[in-house]
Amino acid sequence: MSDFQQCPECTKRHSFHLCPFSKLHREVQSFLHKQKIYDCKAFEQKPAPPPPMTQEQYRKEQEEILADVPKEFHSAFSMMSYERGHSAGYEECIGYLKELVHELKTPIANFENRIRNS
């Protein structure tokens, strides 16, 4: 039996079990589609991502993070974090700012102590 036969649904000569007009094709596709949806985890609804950070939220969080370092470093840290992360959003800038403050907090404190002791 050849795969190419006269399709009873659309009267063209092709593999009628693959004919999009074929009732059998529609039933098989419907069954397969339902099986995929019920068996596949990719079709589960995922929670919506949080909305992007606003400029006001960014400034507020930035102030909270920069409270741990002297005011003389605020503009430098802000500028460096913004330059590194602005293309990915405010959240990325905040991540870079936290990283900078974490890495440089101890050296800054040591420097302040050295200045006071000299």
PDB file of N, CA and C in Angstrom:
ATOM      1  N   MET A   1       0.837  -1.180   0.000  1.00  0.00           N
ATOM      2  CA  MET A   1       0.000   0.000   0.000  1.00  0.00           C
ATOM      3  C   MET A   1       0.884   1.245   0.000  1.00  0.00           C
ATOM      4  N   SER A   2       0.660   2.082  -0.912  1.00  0.00           N
ATOM      5  CA  SER A   2       1.454   3.293  -1.054  1.00  0.00           C
ATOM      6  C   SER A   2       0.978   4.340  -0.054  1.00  0.00           C
ATOM      7  N   ASP A   3       1.951   5.159   0.393  1.00  0.00           N
ATOM      8  CA  ASP A   3       1.591   6.246   1.295  1.00  0.00           C
ATOM      9  C   ASP A   3       0.772   7.312   0.579  1.00  0.00           C
ATOM     10  N   PHE A   4       0.978   7.420  -0.734  1.00  0.00           N
ATOM     11  CA  PHE A   4       0.272   8.440  -1.495  1.00  0.00           C
ATOM     12  C   PHE A   4      -0.965   7.829  -2.108  1.00  0.00           C
ATOM     13  N   GLN A   5      -2.092   8.286  -1.605  1.00  0.00           N
ATOM     14  CA  GLN A   5      -3.381   7.805  -2.098  1.00  0.00           C
ATOM     15  C   GLN A   5      -4.300   9.001  -2.281  1.00  0.00           C
ATOM     16  N   GLN A   6      -5.406   8.718  -2.908  1.00  0.00           N
ATOM     17  CA  GLN A   6      -6.394   9.768  -3.085  1.00  0.00           C
ATOM     18  C   GLN A   6      -7.018  10.056  -1.723  1.00  0.00           C
ATOM     19  N   CYS A   7      -6.919  11.303  -1.293  1.00  0.00           N
ATOM     20  CA  CYS A   7      -7.477  11.701  -0.007  1.00  0.00           C
ATOM     21  C   CYS A   7      -8.988  11.868  -0.161  1.00  0.00           C
ATOM     22  N   PRO A   8      -9.770  11.178   0.655  1.00  0.00           N
ATOM     23  CA  PRO A   8     -11.225  11.299   0.519  1.00  0.00           C
ATOM     24  C   PRO A   8     -11.753  12.654   0.989  1.00  0.00           C
ATOM     25  N   GLU A   9     -10.975  13.359   1.767  1.00  0.00           N
ATOM     26  CA  GLU A   9     -11.441  14.634   2.314  1.00  0.00           C
ATOM     27  C   GLU A   9     -11.230  15.794   1.344  1.00  0.00           C
ATOM     28  N   CYS A  10     -10.045  15.857   0.751  1.00  0.00           N
ATOM     29  CA  CYS A  10      -9.773  17.029  -0.095  1.00  0.00           C
ATOM     30  C   CYS A  10      -9.560  16.657  -1.562  1.00  0.00           C
ATOM     31  N   THR A  11      -9.649  15.392  -1.894  1.00  0.00           N
ATOM     32  CA  THR A  11      -9.559  14.857  -3.258  1.00  0.00           C
ATOM     33  C   THR A  11      -8.223  15.130  -3.942  1.00  0.00           C
ATOM     34  N   LYS A  12      -7.165  15.347  -3.152  1.00  0.00           N
ATOM     35  CA  LYS A  12      -5.836  15.475  -3.732  1.00  0.00           C
ATOM     36  C   LYS A  12      -5.083  14.183  -3.488  1.00  0.00           C
ATOM     37  N   ARG A  13      -4.070  13.967  -4.313  1.00  0.00           N
ATOM     38  CA  ARG A  13      -3.291  12.750  -4.181  1.00  0.00           C
ATOM     39  C   ARG A  13      -2.076  13.045  -3.302  1.00  0.00           C
ATOM     40  N   HIS A  14      -2.098  12.567  -2.084  1.00  0.00           N
ATOM     41  CA  HIS A  14      -0.994  12.718  -1.150  1.00  0.00           C
ATOM     42  C   HIS A  14      -1.204  11.733  -0.018  1.00  0.00           C
ATOM     43  N   SER A  15      -0.385  11.817   0.951  1.00  0.00           N
ATOM     44  CA  SER A  15      -0.521  10.929   2.097  1.00  0.00           C
ATOM     45  C   SER A  15      -1.722  11.403   2.904  1.00  0.00           C
ATOM     46  N   PHE A  16      -2.856  10.721   2.738  1.00  0.00           N
ATOM     47  CA  PHE A  16      -4.090  11.267   3.285  1.00  0.00           C
ATOM     48  C   PHE A  16      -4.126  11.306   4.812  1.00  0.00           C
ATOM     49  N   HIS A  17      -3.301  10.494   5.479  1.00  0.00           N
ATOM     50  CA  HIS A  17      -3.301  10.575   6.943  1.00  0.00           C
ATOM     51  C   HIS A  17      -2.564  11.835   7.423  1.00  0.00           C
ATOM     52  N   LEU A  18      -1.879  12.554   6.502  1.00  0.00           N
ATOM     53  CA  LEU A  18      -1.240  13.815   6.845  1.00  0.00           C
ATOM     54  C   LEU A  18      -1.999  15.022   6.301  1.00  0.00           C
ATOM     55  N   CYS A  19      -3.092  14.767   5.640  1.00  0.00           N
ATOM     56  CA  CYS A  19      -3.867  15.852   5.043  1.00  0.00           C
ATOM     57  C   CYS A  19      -4.501  16.686   6.152  1.00  0.00           C
ATOM     58  N   PRO A  20      -4.273  17.991   6.131  1.00  0.00           N
ATOM     59  CA  PRO A  20      -4.861  18.829   7.172  1.00  0.00           C
ATOM     60  C   PRO A  20      -6.382  18.882   7.104  1.00  0.00           C
ATOM     61  N   PHE A  21      -6.951  18.479   5.975  1.00  0.00           N
ATOM     62  CA  PHE A  21      -8.405  18.484   5.829  1.00  0.00           C
ATOM     63  C   PHE A  21      -9.013  17.146   6.235  1.00  0.00           C
ATOM     64  N   SER A  22      -8.169  16.157   6.413  1.00  0.00           N
ATOM     65  CA  SER A  22      -8.648  14.819   6.726  1.00  0.00           C
ATOM     66  C   SER A  22      -9.211  14.767   8.146  1.00  0.00           C
ATOM     67  N   LYS A  23     -10.368  14.119   8.264  1.00  0.00           N
ATOM     68  CA  LYS A  23     -10.983  13.961   9.588  1.00  0.00           C
ATOM     69  C   LYS A  23     -10.075  13.133  10.490  1.00  0.00           C
ATOM     70  N   LEU A  24      -9.484  12.081   9.952  1.00  0.00           N
ATOM     71  CA  LEU A  24      -8.568  11.251  10.723  1.00  0.00           C
ATOM     72  C   LEU A  24      -7.385  12.080  11.195  1.00  0.00           C
ATOM     73  N   HIS A  25      -6.834  12.911  10.310  1.00  0.00           N
ATOM     74  CA  HIS A  25      -5.703  13.761  10.672  1.00  0.00           C
ATOM     75  C   HIS A  25      -6.081  14.704  11.810  1.00  0.00           C
ATOM     76  N   ARG A  26      -7.254  15.333  11.684  1.00  0.00           N
ATOM     77  CA  ARG A  26      -7.690  16.254  12.727  1.00  0.00           C
ATOM     78  C   ARG A  26      -7.873  15.538  14.059  1.00  0.00           C
ATOM     79  N   GLU A  27      -8.422  14.334  14.043  1.00  0.00           N
ATOM     80  CA  GLU A  27      -8.616  13.582  15.280  1.00  0.00           C
ATOM     81  C   GLU A  27      -7.283  13.190  15.900  1.00  0.00           C
ATOM     82  N   VAL A  28      -6.338  12.732  15.076  1.00  0.00           N
ATOM     83  CA  VAL A  28      -5.018  12.348  15.573  1.00  0.00           C
ATOM     84  C   VAL A  28      -4.295  13.562  16.131  1.00  0.00           C
ATOM     85  N   GLN A  29      -4.324  14.674  15.406  1.00  0.00           N
ATOM     86  CA  GLN A  29      -3.647  15.879  15.876  1.00  0.00           C
ATOM     87  C   GLN A  29      -4.273  16.395  17.171  1.00  0.00           C
ATOM     88  N   SER A  30      -5.595  16.326  17.237  1.00  0.00           N
ATOM     89  CA  SER A  30      -6.278  16.757  18.449  1.00  0.00           C
ATOM     90  C   SER A  30      -5.852  15.895  19.632  1.00  0.00           C
ATOM     91  N   PHE A  31      -5.802  14.588  19.411  1.00  0.00           N
ATOM     92  CA  PHE A  31      -5.379  13.679  20.478  1.00  0.00           C
ATOM     93  C   PHE A  31      -3.934  13.954  20.884  1.00  0.00           C
ATOM     94  N   LEU A  32      -3.040  14.080  19.895  1.00  0.00           N
ATOM     95  CA  LEU A  32      -1.632  14.333  20.195  1.00  0.00           C
ATOM     96  C   LEU A  32      -1.463  15.670  20.897  1.00  0.00           C
ATOM     97  N   HIS A  33      -2.201  16.674  20.441  1.00  0.00           N
ATOM     98  CA  HIS A  33      -2.106  18.001  21.046  1.00  0.00           C
ATOM     99  C   HIS A  33      -2.527  17.943  22.515  1.00  0.00           C
ATOM    100  N   LYS A  34      -3.631  17.260  22.775  1.00  0.00           N
ATOM    101  CA  LYS A  34      -4.090  17.140  24.161  1.00  0.00           C
ATOM    102  C   LYS A  34      -3.074  16.384  25.006  1.00  0.00           C
ATOM    103  N   GLN A  35      -2.495  15.335  24.454  1.00  0.00           N
ATOM    104  CA  GLN A  35      -1.498  14.559  25.194  1.00  0.00           C
ATOM    105  C   GLN A  35      -0.296  15.441  25.523  1.00  0.00           C
ATOM    106  N   LYS A  36       0.161  16.226  24.560  1.00  0.00           N
ATOM    107  CA  LYS A  36       1.321  17.093  24.794  1.00  0.00           C
ATOM    108  C   LYS A  36       1.017  18.125  25.871  1.00  0.00           C
ATOM    109  N   ILE A  37      -0.157  18.704  25.811  1.00  0.00           N
ATOM    110  CA  ILE A  37      -0.500  19.725  26.787  1.00  0.00           C
ATOM    111  C   ILE A  37      -0.586  19.136  28.183  1.00  0.00           C
ATOM    112  N   TYR A  38      -1.201  17.981  28.303  1.00  0.00           N
ATOM    113  CA  TYR A  38      -1.360  17.408  29.629  1.00  0.00           C
ATOM    114  C   TYR A  38      -0.071  16.787  30.156  1.00  0.00           C
ATOM    115  N   ASP A  39       0.786  16.319  29.278  1.00  0.00           N
ATOM    116  CA  ASP A  39       2.003  15.652  29.721  1.00  0.00           C
ATOM    117  C   ASP A  39       3.196  16.588  29.832  1.00  0.00           C
ATOM    118  N   CYS A  40       3.172  17.710  29.147  1.00  0.00           N
ATOM    119  CA  CYS A  40       4.343  18.578  29.063  1.00  0.00           C
ATOM    120  C   CYS A  40       4.283  19.663  30.130  1.00  0.00           C
ATOM    121  N   LYS A  41       5.360  19.815  30.883  1.00  0.00           N
ATOM    122  CA  LYS A  41       5.440  20.826  31.932  1.00  0.00           C
ATOM    123  C   LYS A  41       5.613  22.227  31.344  1.00  0.00           C
ATOM    124  N   ALA A  42       6.020  22.320  30.079  1.00  0.00           N
ATOM    125  CA  ALA A  42       6.262  23.622  29.463  1.00  0.00           C
ATOM    126  C   ALA A  42       4.971  24.421  29.313  1.00  0.00           C
ATOM    127  N   PHE A  43       3.822  23.740  29.274  1.00  0.00           N
ATOM    128  CA  PHE A  43       2.568  24.441  29.077  1.00  0.00           C
ATOM    129  C   PHE A  43       1.919  24.878  30.383  1.00  0.00           C
ATOM    130  N   GLU A  44       2.558  24.555  31.519  1.00  0.00           N
ATOM    131  CA  GLU A  44       2.017  24.997  32.789  1.00  0.00           C
ATOM    132  C   GLU A  44       2.145  26.519  32.882  1.00  0.00           C
ATOM    133  N   GLN A  45       1.161  27.133  33.509  1.00  0.00           N
ATOM    134  CA  GLN A  45       1.220  28.578  33.650  1.00  0.00           C
ATOM    135  C   GLN A  45       2.247  28.945  34.697  1.00  0.00           C
ATOM    136  N   LYS A  46       3.079  29.878  34.355  1.00  0.00           N
ATOM    137  CA  LYS A  46       4.105  30.362  35.263  1.00  0.00           C
ATOM    138  C   LYS A  46       3.678  31.734  35.766  1.00  0.00           C
ATOM    139  N   PRO A  47       4.080  32.085  36.989  1.00  0.00           N
ATOM    140  CA  PRO A  47       3.716  33.421  37.472  1.00  0.00           C
ATOM    141  C   PRO A  47       4.370  34.507  36.624  1.00  0.00           C
ATOM    142  N   ALA A  48       3.677  35.602  36.496  1.00  0.00           N
ATOM    143  CA  ALA A  48       4.208  36.716  35.706  1.00  0.00           C
ATOM    144  C   ALA A  48       5.443  37.292  36.397  1.00  0.00           C
ATOM    145  N   PRO A  49       6.445  37.703  35.623  1.00  0.00           N
ATOM    146  CA  PRO A  49       7.626  38.309  36.246  1.00  0.00           C
ATOM    147  C   PRO A  49       7.249  39.625  36.922  1.00  0.00           C
ATOM    148  N   PRO A  50       8.010  39.999  37.938  1.00  0.00           N
ATOM    149  CA  PRO A  50       7.684  41.262  38.606  1.00  0.00           C
ATOM    150  C   PRO A  50       7.896  42.438  37.654  1.00  0.00           C
ATOM    151  N   PRO A  51       7.165  43.518  37.868  1.00  0.00           N
ATOM    152  CA  PRO A  51       7.353  44.678  36.984  1.00  0.00           C
ATOM    153  C   PRO A  51       8.753  45.258  37.176  1.00  0.00           C
ATOM    154  N   PRO A  52       9.298  45.903  36.154  1.00  0.00           N
ATOM    155  CA  PRO A  52      10.636  46.477  36.284  1.00  0.00           C
ATOM    156  C   PRO A  52      10.679  47.558  37.365  1.00  0.00           C
ATOM    157  N   MET A  53      11.855  47.723  37.931  1.00  0.00           N
ATOM    158  CA  MET A  53      12.063  48.708  38.990  1.00  0.00           C
ATOM    159  C   MET A  53      11.885  50.113  38.426  1.00  0.00           C
ATOM    160  N   THR A  54      11.198  50.939  39.178  1.00  0.00           N
ATOM    161  CA  THR A  54      11.010  52.322  38.760  1.00  0.00           C
ATOM    162  C   THR A  54      12.217  53.153  39.197  1.00  0.00           C
ATOM    163  N   GLN A  55      12.301  54.356  38.666  1.00  0.00           N
ATOM    164  CA  GLN A  55      13.415  55.240  39.017  1.00  0.00           C
ATOM    165  C   GLN A  55      13.365  55.609  40.498  1.00  0.00           C
ATOM    166  N   GLU A  56      12.169  55.798  41.023  1.00  0.00           N
ATOM    167  CA  GLU A  56      12.015  56.127  42.444  1.00  0.00           C
ATOM    168  C   GLU A  56      12.487  54.964  43.327  1.00  0.00           C
ATOM    169  N   GLN A  57      12.110  53.739  42.967  1.00  0.00           N
ATOM    170  CA  GLN A  57      12.559  52.567  43.727  1.00  0.00           C
ATOM    171  C   GLN A  57      14.075  52.426  43.648  1.00  0.00           C
ATOM    172  N   TYR A  58      14.614  52.698  42.468  1.00  0.00           N
ATOM    173  CA  TYR A  58      16.063  52.617  42.268  1.00  0.00           C
ATOM    174  C   TYR A  58      16.791  53.602  43.181  1.00  0.00           C
ATOM    175  N   ARG A  59      16.339  54.850  43.204  1.00  0.00           N
ATOM    176  CA  ARG A  59      16.992  55.868  44.042  1.00  0.00           C
ATOM    177  C   ARG A  59      16.909  55.514  45.525  1.00  0.00           C
ATOM    178  N   LYS A  60      15.749  55.012  45.941  1.00  0.00           N
ATOM    179  CA  LYS A  60      15.562  54.657  47.350  1.00  0.00           C
ATOM    180  C   LYS A  60      16.498  53.519  47.753  1.00  0.00           C
ATOM    181  N   GLU A  61      16.545  52.474  46.931  1.00  0.00           N
ATOM    182  CA  GLU A  61      17.420  51.335  47.248  1.00  0.00           C
ATOM    183  C   GLU A  61      18.891  51.736  47.165  1.00  0.00           C
ATOM    184  N   GLN A  62      19.223  52.599  46.222  1.00  0.00           N
ATOM    185  CA  GLN A  62      20.594  53.071  46.079  1.00  0.00           C
ATOM    186  C   GLN A  62      21.027  53.830  47.333  1.00  0.00           C
ATOM    187  N   GLU A  63      20.154  54.671  47.858  1.00  0.00           N
ATOM    188  CA  GLU A  63      20.470  55.416  49.082  1.00  0.00           C
ATOM    189  C   GLU A  63      20.708  54.482  50.265  1.00  0.00           C
ATOM    190  N   GLU A  64      19.888  53.431  50.361  1.00  0.00           N
ATOM    191  CA  GLU A  64      20.041  52.466  51.451  1.00  0.00           C
ATOM    192  C   GLU A  64      21.380  51.735  51.362  1.00  0.00           C
ATOM    193  N   ILE A  65      21.777  51.386  50.162  1.00  0.00           N
ATOM    194  CA  ILE A  65      23.040  50.657  49.979  1.00  0.00           C
ATOM    195  C   ILE A  65      24.226  51.581  50.247  1.00  0.00           C
ATOM    196  N   LEU A  66      24.148  52.803  49.749  1.00  0.00           N
ATOM    197  CA  LEU A  66      25.260  53.743  49.894  1.00  0.00           C
ATOM    198  C   LEU A  66      25.399  54.292  51.316  1.00  0.00           C
ATOM    199  N   ALA A  67      24.447  54.016  52.182  1.00  0.00           N
ATOM    200  CA  ALA A  67      24.539  54.477  53.573  1.00  0.00           C
ATOM    201  C   ALA A  67      25.725  53.827  54.291  1.00  0.00           C
ATOM    202  N   ASP A  68      26.229  52.720  53.767  1.00  0.00           N
ATOM    203  CA  ASP A  68      27.339  51.998  54.405  1.00  0.00           C
ATOM    204  C   ASP A  68      28.716  52.540  54.031  1.00  0.00           C
ATOM    205  N   VAL A  69      28.773  53.469  53.093  1.00  0.00           N
ATOM    206  CA  VAL A  69      30.079  54.005  52.674  1.00  0.00           C
ATOM    207  C   VAL A  69      30.081  55.527  52.852  1.00  0.00           C
ATOM    208  N   PRO A  70      31.257  56.133  52.980  1.00  0.00           N
ATOM    209  CA  PRO A  70      31.324  57.594  53.123  1.00  0.00           C
ATOM    210  C   PRO A  70      30.728  58.317  51.918  1.00  0.00           C
ATOM    211  N   LYS A  71      30.204  59.502  52.152  1.00  0.00           N
ATOM    212  CA  LYS A  71      29.553  60.287  51.098  1.00  0.00           C
ATOM    213  C   LYS A  71      30.488  60.613  49.942  1.00  0.00           C
ATOM    214  N   GLU A  72      31.769  60.686  50.208  1.00  0.00           N
ATOM    215  CA  GLU A  72      32.733  61.003  49.151  1.00  0.00           C
ATOM    216  C   GLU A  72      32.761  59.944  48.040  1.00  0.00           C
ATOM    217  N   PHE A  73      32.309  58.742  48.363  1.00  0.00           N
ATOM    218  CA  PHE A  73      32.338  57.646  47.385  1.00  0.00           C
ATOM    219  C   PHE A  73      30.998  57.445  46.686  1.00  0.00           C
ATOM    220  N   HIS A  74      29.943  58.100  47.128  1.00  0.00           N
ATOM    221  CA  HIS A  74      28.610  57.865  46.580  1.00  0.00           C
ATOM    222  C   HIS A  74      28.528  58.081  45.074  1.00  0.00           C
ATOM    223  N   SER A  75      29.014  59.206  44.601  1.00  0.00           N
ATOM    224  CA  SER A  75      28.885  59.494  43.163  1.00  0.00           C
ATOM    225  C   SER A  75      29.719  58.527  42.327  1.00  0.00           C
ATOM    226  N   ALA A  76      30.903  58.191  42.809  1.00  0.00           N
ATOM    227  CA  ALA A  76      31.749  57.253  42.059  1.00  0.00           C
ATOM    228  C   ALA A  76      31.095  55.873  41.981  1.00  0.00           C
ATOM    229  N   PHE A  77      30.582  55.397  43.115  1.00  0.00           N
ATOM    230  CA  PHE A  77      29.929  54.082  43.129  1.00  0.00           C
ATOM    231  C   PHE A  77      28.677  54.082  42.255  1.00  0.00           C
ATOM    232  N   SER A  78      27.885  55.138  42.357  1.00  0.00           N
ATOM    233  CA  SER A  78      26.669  55.248  41.553  1.00  0.00           C
ATOM    234  C   SER A  78      26.989  55.228  40.065  1.00  0.00           C
ATOM    235  N   MET A  79      27.986  56.028  39.683  1.00  0.00           N
ATOM    236  CA  MET A  79      28.366  56.109  38.275  1.00  0.00           C
ATOM    237  C   MET A  79      28.891  54.773  37.762  1.00  0.00           C
ATOM    238  N   MET A  80      29.753  54.121  38.548  1.00  0.00           N
ATOM    239  CA  MET A  80      30.327  52.838  38.112  1.00  0.00           C
ATOM    240  C   MET A  80      29.249  51.766  37.973  1.00  0.00           C
ATOM    241  N   SER A  81      28.332  51.701  38.924  1.00  0.00           N
ATOM    242  CA  SER A  81      27.285  50.681  38.849  1.00  0.00           C
ATOM    243  C   SER A  81      26.334  50.960  37.685  1.00  0.00           C
ATOM    244  N   TYR A  82      26.028  52.240  37.452  1.00  0.00           N
ATOM    245  CA  TYR A  82      25.143  52.587  36.347  1.00  0.00           C
ATOM    246  C   TYR A  82      25.793  52.271  35.001  1.00  0.00           C
ATOM    247  N   GLU A  83      27.076  52.593  34.853  1.00  0.00           N
ATOM    248  CA  GLU A  83      27.782  52.318  33.593  1.00  0.00           C
ATOM    249  C   GLU A  83      27.811  50.823  33.292  1.00  0.00           C
ATOM    250  N   ARG A  84      27.978  50.014  34.321  1.00  0.00           N
ATOM    251  CA  ARG A  84      28.076  48.566  34.114  1.00  0.00           C
ATOM    252  C   ARG A  84      26.728  47.905  33.860  1.00  0.00           C
ATOM    253  N   GLY A  85      25.666  48.424  34.455  1.00  0.00           N
ATOM    254  CA  GLY A  85      24.416  47.681  34.393  1.00  0.00           C
ATOM    255  C   GLY A  85      23.221  48.341  33.766  1.00  0.00           C
ATOM    256  N   HIS A  86      23.333  49.586  33.310  1.00  0.00           N
ATOM    257  CA  HIS A  86      22.141  50.298  32.845  1.00  0.00           C
ATOM    258  C   HIS A  86      21.464  49.645  31.644  1.00  0.00           C
ATOM    259  N   SER A  87      22.209  48.953  30.821  1.00  0.00           N
ATOM    260  CA  SER A  87      21.581  48.352  29.644  1.00  0.00           C
ATOM    261  C   SER A  87      20.671  47.178  30.004  1.00  0.00           C
ATOM    262  N   ALA A  88      20.865  46.626  31.214  1.00  0.00           N
ATOM    263  CA  ALA A  88      20.030  45.498  31.647  1.00  0.00           C
ATOM    264  C   ALA A  88      18.951  45.929  32.635  1.00  0.00           C
ATOM    265  N   GLY A  89      18.897  47.191  32.988  1.00  0.00           N
ATOM    266  CA  GLY A  89      17.852  47.677  33.879  1.00  0.00           C
ATOM    267  C   GLY A  89      18.384  48.086  35.237  1.00  0.00           C
ATOM    268  N   TYR A  90      17.501  48.725  35.991  1.00  0.00           N
ATOM    269  CA  TYR A  90      17.886  49.219  37.310  1.00  0.00           C
ATOM    270  C   TYR A  90      18.274  48.088  38.258  1.00  0.00           C
ATOM    271  N   GLU A  91      17.632  46.933  38.120  1.00  0.00           N
ATOM    272  CA  GLU A  91      17.942  45.811  38.997  1.00  0.00           C
ATOM    273  C   GLU A  91      19.414  45.410  38.871  1.00  0.00           C
ATOM    274  N   GLU A  92      19.901  45.432  37.654  1.00  0.00           N
ATOM    275  CA  GLU A  92      21.303  45.078  37.413  1.00  0.00           C
ATOM    276  C   GLU A  92      22.239  46.134  38.003  1.00  0.00           C
ATOM    277  N   CYS A  93      21.858  47.390  37.894  1.00  0.00           N
ATOM    278  CA  CYS A  93      22.660  48.468  38.495  1.00  0.00           C
ATOM    279  C   CYS A  93      22.754  48.279  40.005  1.00  0.00           C
ATOM    280  N   ILE A  94      21.632  47.930  40.621  1.00  0.00           N
ATOM    281  CA  ILE A  94      21.619  47.689  42.067  1.00  0.00           C
ATOM    282  C   ILE A  94      22.520  46.513  42.413  1.00  0.00           C
ATOM    283  N   GLY A  95      22.503  45.477  41.596  1.00  0.00           N
ATOM    284  CA  GLY A  95      23.384  44.324  41.822  1.00  0.00           C
ATOM    285  C   GLY A  95      24.852  44.731  41.783  1.00  0.00           C
ATOM    286  N   TYR A  96      25.214  45.523  40.794  1.00  0.00           N
ATOM    287  CA  TYR A  96      26.609  45.990  40.701  1.00  0.00           C
ATOM    288  C   TYR A  96      26.967  46.902  41.874  1.00  0.00           C
ATOM    289  N   LEU A  97      26.031  47.736  42.284  1.00  0.00           N
ATOM    290  CA  LEU A  97      26.290  48.631  43.406  1.00  0.00           C
ATOM    291  C   LEU A  97      26.523  47.833  44.695  1.00  0.00           C
ATOM    292  N   LYS A  98      25.697  46.835  44.926  1.00  0.00           N
ATOM    293  CA  LYS A  98      25.886  45.981  46.104  1.00  0.00           C
ATOM    294  C   LYS A  98      27.247  45.300  46.071  1.00  0.00           C
ATOM    295  N   GLU A  99      27.618  44.838  44.890  1.00  0.00           N
ATOM    296  CA  GLU A  99      28.915  44.171  44.731  1.00  0.00           C
ATOM    297  C   GLU A  99      30.070  45.132  45.029  1.00  0.00           C
ATOM    298  N   LEU A 100      29.995  46.338  44.476  1.00  0.00           N
ATOM    299  CA  LEU A 100      31.044  47.333  44.723  1.00  0.00           C
ATOM    300  C   LEU A 100      31.161  47.670  46.209  1.00  0.00           C
ATOM    301  N   VAL A 101      30.032  47.916  46.836  1.00  0.00           N
ATOM    302  CA  VAL A 101      30.043  48.274  48.260  1.00  0.00           C
ATOM    303  C   VAL A 101      30.601  47.121  49.080  1.00  0.00           C
ATOM    304  N   HIS A 102      30.178  45.907  48.761  1.00  0.00           N
ATOM    305  CA  HIS A 102      30.659  44.738  49.502  1.00  0.00           C
ATOM    306  C   HIS A 102      32.175  44.567  49.364  1.00  0.00           C
ATOM    307  N   GLU A 103      32.671  44.712  48.138  1.00  0.00           N
ATOM    308  CA  GLU A 103      34.106  44.509  47.895  1.00  0.00           C
ATOM    309  C   GLU A 103      34.972  45.632  48.474  1.00  0.00           C
ATOM    310  N   LEU A 104      34.481  46.864  48.468  1.00  0.00           N
ATOM    311  CA  LEU A 104      35.309  48.000  48.866  1.00  0.00           C
ATOM    312  C   LEU A 104      35.024  48.535  50.264  1.00  0.00           C
ATOM    313  N   LYS A 105      34.057  47.973  50.945  1.00  0.00           N
ATOM    314  CA  LYS A 105      33.708  48.453  52.283  1.00  0.00           C
ATOM    315  C   LYS A 105      34.873  48.294  53.262  1.00  0.00           C
ATOM    316  N   THR A 106      35.504  47.146  53.270  1.00  0.00           N
ATOM    317  CA  THR A 106      36.634  46.889  54.176  1.00  0.00           C
ATOM    318  C   THR A 106      37.846  47.750  53.831  1.00  0.00           C
ATOM    319  N   PRO A 107      38.274  47.828  52.562  1.00  0.00           N
ATOM    320  CA  PRO A 107      39.409  48.706  52.255  1.00  0.00           C
ATOM    321  C   PRO A 107      39.143  50.173  52.601  1.00  0.00           C
ATOM    322  N   ILE A 108      37.912  50.631  52.415  1.00  0.00           N
ATOM    323  CA  ILE A 108      37.586  52.014  52.764  1.00  0.00           C
ATOM    324  C   ILE A 108      37.691  52.212  54.278  1.00  0.00           C
ATOM    325  N   ALA A 109      37.166  51.258  55.038  1.00  0.00           N
ATOM    326  CA  ALA A 109      37.254  51.351  56.505  1.00  0.00           C
ATOM    327  C   ALA A 109      38.716  51.349  56.955  1.00  0.00           C
ATOM    328  N   ASN A 110      39.541  50.504  56.348  1.00  0.00           N
ATOM    329  CA  ASN A 110      40.975  50.473  56.677  1.00  0.00           C
ATOM    330  C   ASN A 110      41.648  51.804  56.347  1.00  0.00           C
ATOM    331  N   PHE A 111      41.277  52.380  55.222  1.00  0.00           N
ATOM    332  CA  PHE A 111      41.838  53.664  54.818  1.00  0.00           C
ATOM    333  C   PHE A 111      41.431  54.770  55.803  1.00  0.00           C
ATOM    334  N   GLU A 112      40.180  54.761  56.210  1.00  0.00           N
ATOM    335  CA  GLU A 112      39.722  55.748  57.197  1.00  0.00           C
ATOM    336  C   GLU A 112      40.494  55.611  58.508  1.00  0.00           C
ATOM    337  N   ASN A 113      40.704  54.389  58.940  1.00  0.00           N
ATOM    338  CA  ASN A 113      41.483  54.160  60.175  1.00  0.00           C
ATOM    339  C   ASN A 113      42.921  54.667  60.024  1.00  0.00           C
ATOM    340  N   ARG A 114      43.510  54.437  58.887  1.00  0.00           N
ATOM    341  CA  ARG A 114      44.884  54.883  58.648  1.00  0.00           C
ATOM    342  C   ARG A 114      44.974  56.411  58.670  1.00  0.00           C
ATOM    343  N   ILE A 115      43.966  57.077  58.093  1.00  0.00           N
ATOM    344  CA  ILE A 115      43.943  58.537  58.102  1.00  0.00           C
ATOM    345  C   ILE A 115      43.783  59.061  59.529  1.00  0.00           C
ATOM    346  N   ARG A 116      42.904  58.466  60.297  1.00  0.00           N
ATOM    347  CA  ARG A 116      42.696  58.902  61.679  1.00  0.00           C
ATOM    348  C   ARG A 116      43.944  58.699  62.541  1.00  0.00           C
ATOM    349  N   ASN A 117      44.665  57.622  62.308  1.00  0.00           N
ATOM    350  CA  ASN A 117      45.832  57.302  63.127  1.00  0.00           C
ATOM    351  C   ASN A 117      47.099  58.061  62.725  1.00  0.00           C
ATOM    352  N   SER A 118      47.100  58.710  61.591  1.00  0.00           N
ATOM    353  CA  SER A 118      48.319  59.410  61.180  1.00  0.00           C
ATOM    354  C   SER A 118      48.331  60.848  61.605  1.00  0.00           C
TER     355      SER A 118
END
